[in-house]
N, C-alpha and C. Protein backbone atom coordinates (compact mmCIF):
# COMPACT_ATOMS: atom_id res chain seq x y z
N MET A 1 0.57 -1.36 0.06
CA MET A 1 0.16 -0.40 -0.23
C MET A 1 0.96 1.00 -0.50
N PRO A 2 0.38 2.31 -0.66
CA PRO A 2 1.31 3.40 -1.07
C PRO A 2 1.20 4.11 0.57
N PRO A 3 2.19 5.20 0.84
CA PRO A 3 2.23 5.93 1.69
C PRO A 3 1.13 6.51 1.95
N LYS A 4 0.52 7.10 3.47
CA LYS A 4 -0.36 7.94 3.94
C LYS A 4 -0.12 9.28 4.54
N TRP A 5 -0.14 10.45 3.70
CA TRP A 5 -0.62 11.49 4.66
C TRP A 5 -1.61 11.61 5.86
N THR A 6 -1.30 12.52 6.54
CA THR A 6 -2.66 12.60 7.34
C THR A 6 -3.36 13.13 6.65
N PRO A 7 -4.96 12.88 6.93
CA PRO A 7 -5.93 13.53 6.33
C PRO A 7 -6.25 14.83 5.55
N ILE A 8 -5.64 15.89 6.79
CA ILE A 8 -5.40 17.03 6.51
C ILE A 8 -4.38 17.60 5.73
N LYS A 9 -3.56 16.86 5.16
CA LYS A 9 -2.44 17.16 4.19
C LYS A 9 -2.70 16.61 3.25
N ALA A 10 -2.96 15.69 2.98
CA ALA A 10 -4.08 14.96 1.71
C ALA A 10 -5.05 15.63 1.52
N ALA A 11 -5.54 16.15 2.01
CA ALA A 11 -6.50 17.02 1.50
C ALA A 11 -6.08 18.30 1.07
N TYR A 12 -4.96 19.36 2.16
CA TYR A 12 -4.24 20.06 1.36
C TYR A 12 -3.84 20.08 -0.34
N HIS A 13 -3.88 18.76 -0.09
CA HIS A 13 -2.50 18.23 -1.48
C HIS A 13 -3.61 18.42 -2.42
N LEU A 14 -5.03 17.45 -2.43
CA LEU A 14 -6.24 17.34 -3.07
C LEU A 14 -6.66 18.87 -3.67
N GLY A 15 -6.83 19.94 -2.90
CA GLY A 15 -7.37 20.84 -2.49
C GLY A 15 -5.98 21.95 -4.14
N GLU A 16 -5.06 21.46 -3.56
CA GLU A 16 -4.13 22.40 -4.57
C GLU A 16 -4.17 22.02 -6.22
N ALA A 17 -4.79 19.89 -6.15
CA ALA A 17 -4.68 19.49 -7.53
C ALA A 17 -6.17 20.00 -7.84
N TYR A 18 -7.28 20.38 -6.95
CA TYR A 18 -8.65 20.88 -7.90
C TYR A 18 -8.29 22.18 -8.28
N ALA A 19 -7.61 22.92 -7.36
CA ALA A 19 -7.62 24.16 -7.98
C ALA A 19 -6.90 24.72 -9.41
N ALA A 20 -5.76 23.83 -9.45
CA ALA A 20 -5.24 23.38 -10.90
C ALA A 20 -5.95 23.11 -12.16
N GLU A 21 -7.24 22.09 -11.41
CA GLU A 21 -7.39 21.48 -12.40
C GLU A 21 -9.33 22.77 -12.96
N GLN A 22 -8.72 23.60 -11.91
CA GLN A 22 -9.93 24.80 -12.20
C GLN A 22 -9.42 25.79 -12.70
N GLY A 23 -7.93 25.62 -13.18
CA GLY A 23 -7.49 26.85 -14.17
C GLY A 23 -6.46 27.74 -13.10
N ILE A 24 -6.82 27.78 -11.69
CA ILE A 24 -5.73 28.19 -10.66
C ILE A 24 -4.61 27.81 -10.32
N ASP A 25 -3.37 29.20 -10.16
CA ASP A 25 -1.98 28.71 -9.83
C ASP A 25 -2.68 28.12 -8.77
N ALA A 26 -1.65 27.14 -8.83
CA ALA A 26 -1.73 26.10 -7.65
C ALA A 26 -0.34 25.14 -7.93
N ASP A 27 -0.28 25.38 -6.56
CA ASP A 27 1.73 24.36 -6.50
C ASP A 27 1.14 23.08 -6.22
N TYR A 28 1.12 21.72 -6.73
CA TYR A 28 0.91 20.56 -5.96
C TYR A 28 1.74 19.57 -7.11
N SER A 29 2.26 17.80 -6.89
CA SER A 29 2.45 17.45 -7.57
C SER A 29 1.60 15.91 -7.69
N LEU A 30 1.62 15.60 -9.36
CA LEU A 30 0.34 15.24 -9.47
C LEU A 30 0.99 13.39 -9.19
N PHE A 31 2.40 13.22 -9.05
CA PHE A 31 3.01 11.88 -8.26
C PHE A 31 1.96 12.06 -6.85
N GLU A 32 2.26 13.21 -6.00
CA GLU A 32 1.68 13.21 -4.68
C GLU A 32 0.27 12.67 -4.60
N VAL A 33 -0.30 12.80 -5.45
CA VAL A 33 -1.62 12.89 -5.57
C VAL A 33 -2.51 11.72 -6.25
N GLU A 34 -1.26 10.94 -7.10
CA GLU A 34 -1.52 9.88 -7.31
C GLU A 34 -1.82 8.43 -6.01
N LEU A 35 -0.53 8.35 -5.24
CA LEU A 35 -0.01 7.82 -4.33
C LEU A 35 -1.57 8.29 -3.57
N ILE A 36 -2.24 9.54 -3.10
CA ILE A 36 -3.33 10.01 -2.04
C ILE A 36 -4.48 8.87 -3.06
N ALA A 37 -4.51 8.82 -4.28
CA ALA A 37 -5.66 8.54 -5.00
C ALA A 37 -5.72 7.04 -4.22
N ARG A 38 -4.51 6.17 -4.33
CA ARG A 38 -4.22 5.11 -4.11
C ARG A 38 -4.71 3.98 -2.76
N ALA A 39 -4.02 5.48 -1.60
CA ALA A 39 -4.23 5.21 -1.13
C ALA A 39 -5.53 4.83 -0.07
N MET A 40 -6.52 6.02 -0.67
CA MET A 40 -7.53 6.33 -0.83
C MET A 40 -8.70 5.12 -1.08
N ASP A 41 -8.19 4.89 -2.35
CA ASP A 41 -8.79 3.44 -2.90
C ASP A 41 -8.72 2.35 -2.29
N ALA A 42 -7.56 2.56 -1.46
CA ALA A 42 -7.42 1.05 -0.59
C ALA A 42 -7.86 0.84 0.44
N ASP A 43 -8.06 2.07 1.21
CA ASP A 43 -8.76 2.16 2.62
C ASP A 43 -10.26 3.47 2.88
N PRO A 44 -11.32 2.72 2.84
CA PRO A 44 -12.16 3.86 2.60
C PRO A 44 -12.41 4.43 3.72
N GLU A 45 -11.86 3.59 5.17
CA GLU A 45 -11.68 5.22 6.42
C GLU A 45 -10.81 6.03 6.29
N TYR A 46 -9.86 5.53 5.89
CA TYR A 46 -8.58 7.03 5.28
C TYR A 46 -9.12 7.71 4.23
N LEU A 47 -10.30 7.21 3.17
CA LEU A 47 -11.11 8.16 2.13
C LEU A 47 -11.76 8.91 2.93
N LYS A 48 -12.53 8.57 4.01
CA LYS A 48 -13.70 9.04 4.99
C LYS A 48 -13.28 9.99 5.59
N GLY A 49 -11.90 9.87 6.10
CA GLY A 49 -11.08 10.84 6.75
C GLY A 49 -11.00 12.31 5.87
N VAL A 50 -10.20 11.73 5.01
CA VAL A 50 -9.20 12.98 4.42
C VAL A 50 -10.89 13.38 3.40
N TRP A 51 -11.96 12.59 3.08
CA TRP A 51 -12.98 13.27 2.91
C TRP A 51 -13.58 14.55 3.64
N ALA A 52 -13.70 14.23 5.05
CA ALA A 52 -14.05 14.82 5.78
C ALA A 52 -13.60 16.24 6.29
N GLY A 53 -12.02 15.77 5.89
CA GLY A 53 -11.22 16.91 6.57
C GLY A 53 -11.46 17.96 5.12
N TRP A 54 -11.73 17.38 4.48
CA TRP A 54 -11.41 18.47 2.80
C TRP A 54 -12.92 19.51 3.09
N VAL A 55 -14.15 18.55 3.46
CA VAL A 55 -15.09 19.17 2.80
C VAL A 55 -14.98 20.73 4.61
N GLU A 56 -14.62 19.99 5.46
CA GLU A 56 -14.31 21.32 6.61
C GLU A 56 -13.92 22.61 5.84
N GLU A 57 -12.84 22.27 4.79
CA GLU A 57 -11.84 23.33 4.47
C GLU A 57 -12.84 23.93 3.68
N LEU A 58 -13.43 23.36 2.60
CA LEU A 58 -14.29 23.79 1.58
C LEU A 58 -15.52 24.24 2.08
N GLU A 59 -15.84 24.01 2.96
CA GLU A 59 -17.20 24.68 4.10
C GLU A 59 -16.39 26.55 4.43
N GLY A 60 -15.80 26.26 5.30
CA GLY A 60 -15.15 27.64 5.51
C GLY A 60 -14.51 28.40 4.45
N ASN A 61 -14.09 27.87 3.31
CA ASN A 61 -14.30 28.77 2.51
C ASN A 61 -15.58 29.29 1.17
N GLY A 62 -16.40 28.57 1.93
CA GLY A 62 -17.90 29.55 1.80
C GLY A 62 -18.31 28.72 0.33
N LEU A 63 -17.80 27.21 -0.15
CA LEU A 63 -18.33 26.54 -0.93
C LEU A 63 -19.92 26.00 -0.75
N THR A 64 -20.41 26.62 -1.77
CA THR A 64 -21.90 25.68 -1.11
C THR A 64 -22.22 24.19 -1.80
N GLY A 65 -23.12 23.61 -1.17
CA GLY A 65 -23.32 22.41 -0.77
C GLY A 65 -23.52 21.76 -2.67
N LYS A 66 -23.70 22.03 -3.27
CA LYS A 66 -23.39 21.90 -5.08
C LYS A 66 -22.28 22.17 -5.39
N GLN A 67 -21.48 23.16 -4.75
CA GLN A 67 -20.01 23.35 -5.30
C GLN A 67 -19.29 22.24 -4.28
N ILE A 68 -19.52 21.56 -3.54
CA ILE A 68 -18.89 20.49 -2.63
C ILE A 68 -18.87 18.72 -3.23
N ASP A 69 -20.21 19.52 -3.66
CA ASP A 69 -20.70 17.74 -4.82
C ASP A 69 -20.18 18.30 -6.17
N GLU A 70 -19.94 19.14 -6.63
CA GLU A 70 -18.67 18.94 -8.01
C GLU A 70 -17.41 18.67 -7.46
N VAL A 71 -17.31 19.24 -6.42
CA VAL A 71 -15.95 18.18 -5.73
C VAL A 71 -15.11 17.28 -5.45
N TRP A 72 -16.72 16.74 -5.12
CA TRP A 72 -16.69 15.30 -4.36
C TRP A 72 -16.58 13.74 -5.58
N TYR A 73 -17.32 14.72 -7.04
CA TYR A 73 -17.51 14.27 -8.29
C TYR A 73 -16.14 14.08 -9.08
N TRP A 74 -15.28 15.47 -8.96
CA TRP A 74 -14.16 15.24 -9.43
C TRP A 74 -13.17 14.51 -8.39
N LEU A 75 -13.24 14.29 -7.33
CA LEU A 75 -12.59 13.58 -6.53
C LEU A 75 -12.81 12.07 -6.75
N ASP A 76 -14.27 11.21 -7.10
CA ASP A 76 -14.16 9.97 -7.21
C ASP A 76 -14.11 9.68 -8.57
N THR A 77 -14.34 10.57 -9.65
CA THR A 77 -14.23 10.07 -11.02
C THR A 77 -12.72 10.45 -11.65
N SER A 78 -12.37 11.54 -11.21
CA SER A 78 -10.74 12.03 -11.96
C SER A 78 -9.32 11.20 -10.89
N VAL A 79 -9.77 11.31 -9.81
CA VAL A 79 -8.71 11.21 -8.63
C VAL A 79 -8.63 9.73 -8.47
N ILE A 80 -9.65 8.70 -8.07
CA ILE A 80 -9.51 7.67 -7.60
C ILE A 80 -9.98 6.63 -8.74
N GLY A 81 -11.01 7.05 -9.31
CA GLY A 81 -10.94 6.14 -10.39
C GLY A 81 -10.38 6.71 -11.52
N GLY A 82 -9.62 7.52 -11.46
CA GLY A 82 -8.81 8.24 -12.87
C GLY A 82 -6.78 7.52 -12.31
N LEU A 83 -6.45 8.19 -11.18
CA LEU A 83 -5.45 7.58 -10.52
C LEU A 83 -5.03 6.70 -9.98
N ALA A 84 -6.10 6.46 -9.39
CA ALA A 84 -6.09 4.97 -8.80
C ALA A 84 -6.36 3.74 -9.69
N ASN A 85 -6.75 3.92 -10.17
CA ASN A 85 -7.18 2.77 -10.97
C ASN A 85 -7.55 3.05 -12.63
N PRO A 86 -6.01 3.29 -13.40
CA PRO A 86 -6.18 3.60 -15.19
C PRO A 86 -6.45 2.48 -15.51
């Protein structure tokens, strides 16, 4: 199984990757995001922890429920479905 970051650190990396996906200048490593994706795919509890931490951050940044659903869709399809399961 790939190395794991803390859920908060993983959420930070995913947030940077999502920002870059949205065209915002962000500093992230595709390699690190792929490792996080594989760890979340392999461990549902880790995925739950990462998502919970990220949702807290997203809500704190003022995202609406619909926007958070869009982030979840990206995470599920592009990251976990794409990077963890090529």
